[in-house]
Protein backbone atom coordinates (compact mmCIF):
# COMPACT_ATOMS: atom_id res chain seq x y z
CA UNK A 1 114.26 108.47 95.33
CA UNK A 2 115.02 106.12 98.23
CA UNK A 3 111.59 106.64 99.80
CA UNK A 4 109.83 105.97 96.50
CA UNK A 5 111.92 102.86 95.93
CA UNK A 6 110.99 101.63 99.40
CA UNK A 7 107.33 102.31 98.61
CA UNK A 8 107.61 100.25 95.40
CA UNK A 9 109.16 97.39 97.34
CA UNK A 10 106.32 97.50 99.86
CA UNK A 11 103.66 97.61 97.14
CA UNK A 12 105.12 94.51 95.51
CA UNK A 13 105.68 92.64 98.77
CA UNK A 14 102.16 93.37 100.04
CA UNK A 15 100.53 92.77 96.63
CA UNK A 16 98.87 96.17 96.75
CA UNK A 17 96.67 97.41 93.93
CA UNK A 18 98.47 99.42 91.26
CA UNK A 19 95.22 101.23 90.53
CA UNK A 20 95.13 102.45 94.16
CA UNK A 21 98.70 103.64 93.80
CA UNK A 22 97.78 105.56 90.64
CA UNK A 23 94.90 107.23 92.49
CA UNK A 24 97.23 108.14 95.37
CA UNK A 25 99.86 109.61 93.07
CA UNK A 26 97.22 111.46 91.04
CA UNK A 27 96.20 113.39 94.14
CA UNK A 28 99.83 114.23 94.86
CA UNK A 29 100.51 115.23 91.25
CA UNK A 30 97.62 117.67 91.24
CA UNK A 31 99.16 119.45 94.22
CA UNK A 32 102.75 119.19 93.02
CA UNK A 33 102.91 118.62 89.26
CA UNK A 34 106.65 119.34 89.05
CA UNK A 35 107.66 116.56 91.44
CA UNK A 36 109.85 114.51 89.12
CA UNK A 37 110.31 111.66 91.61
CA UNK A 38 106.54 111.30 91.77
CA UNK A 39 106.32 111.09 87.98
CA UNK A 40 109.08 108.48 87.93
CA UNK A 41 107.13 106.43 90.48
CA UNK A 42 103.92 106.85 88.51
CA UNK A 43 105.70 105.66 85.37
CA UNK A 44 106.78 102.55 87.29
CA UNK A 45 103.17 101.96 88.41
CA UNK A 46 101.87 102.23 84.84
CA UNK A 47 104.54 99.73 83.80
CA UNK A 48 103.11 97.21 86.28
CA UNK A 49 99.81 97.13 84.39
CA UNK A 50 99.13 94.82 81.45
CA UNK A 51 100.42 96.39 78.25
CA UNK A 52 97.01 96.00 76.59
CA UNK A 53 95.11 97.96 79.26
CA UNK A 54 94.05 100.67 76.80
CA UNK A 55 91.52 102.25 79.17
CA UNK A 56 94.10 102.99 81.84
CA UNK A 57 96.69 104.13 79.32
CA UNK A 58 94.23 106.50 77.64
CA UNK A 59 93.24 107.84 81.05
CA UNK A 60 96.88 108.39 81.94
CA UNK A 61 97.44 110.33 78.73
CA UNK A 62 94.45 112.56 79.46
CA UNK A 63 95.48 113.02 83.11
CA UNK A 64 98.98 114.10 82.11
CA UNK A 65 97.62 116.43 79.44
CA UNK A 66 95.26 118.05 81.95
CA UNK A 67 98.12 118.79 84.35
CA UNK A 68 100.22 120.22 81.53
CA UNK A 69 97.36 122.52 80.49
CA UNK A 70 97.11 123.90 84.03
CA UNK A 71 100.74 125.06 84.05
């Protein structure tokens, strides 16, 4: 968890794109869908987006469902 927390701090300090972070974590999640620290970090990233961003939220729901179907 410490490494992910450090990554979050860096993302905020450097004003990095949350969408890029979601793409990065998506690639990791496809390889390791049971990495709970990754999912916690991804949840944080989604929380950084505007609450009314329905497109991203719908995409996240479908992404999660697709990984659950693969298991």
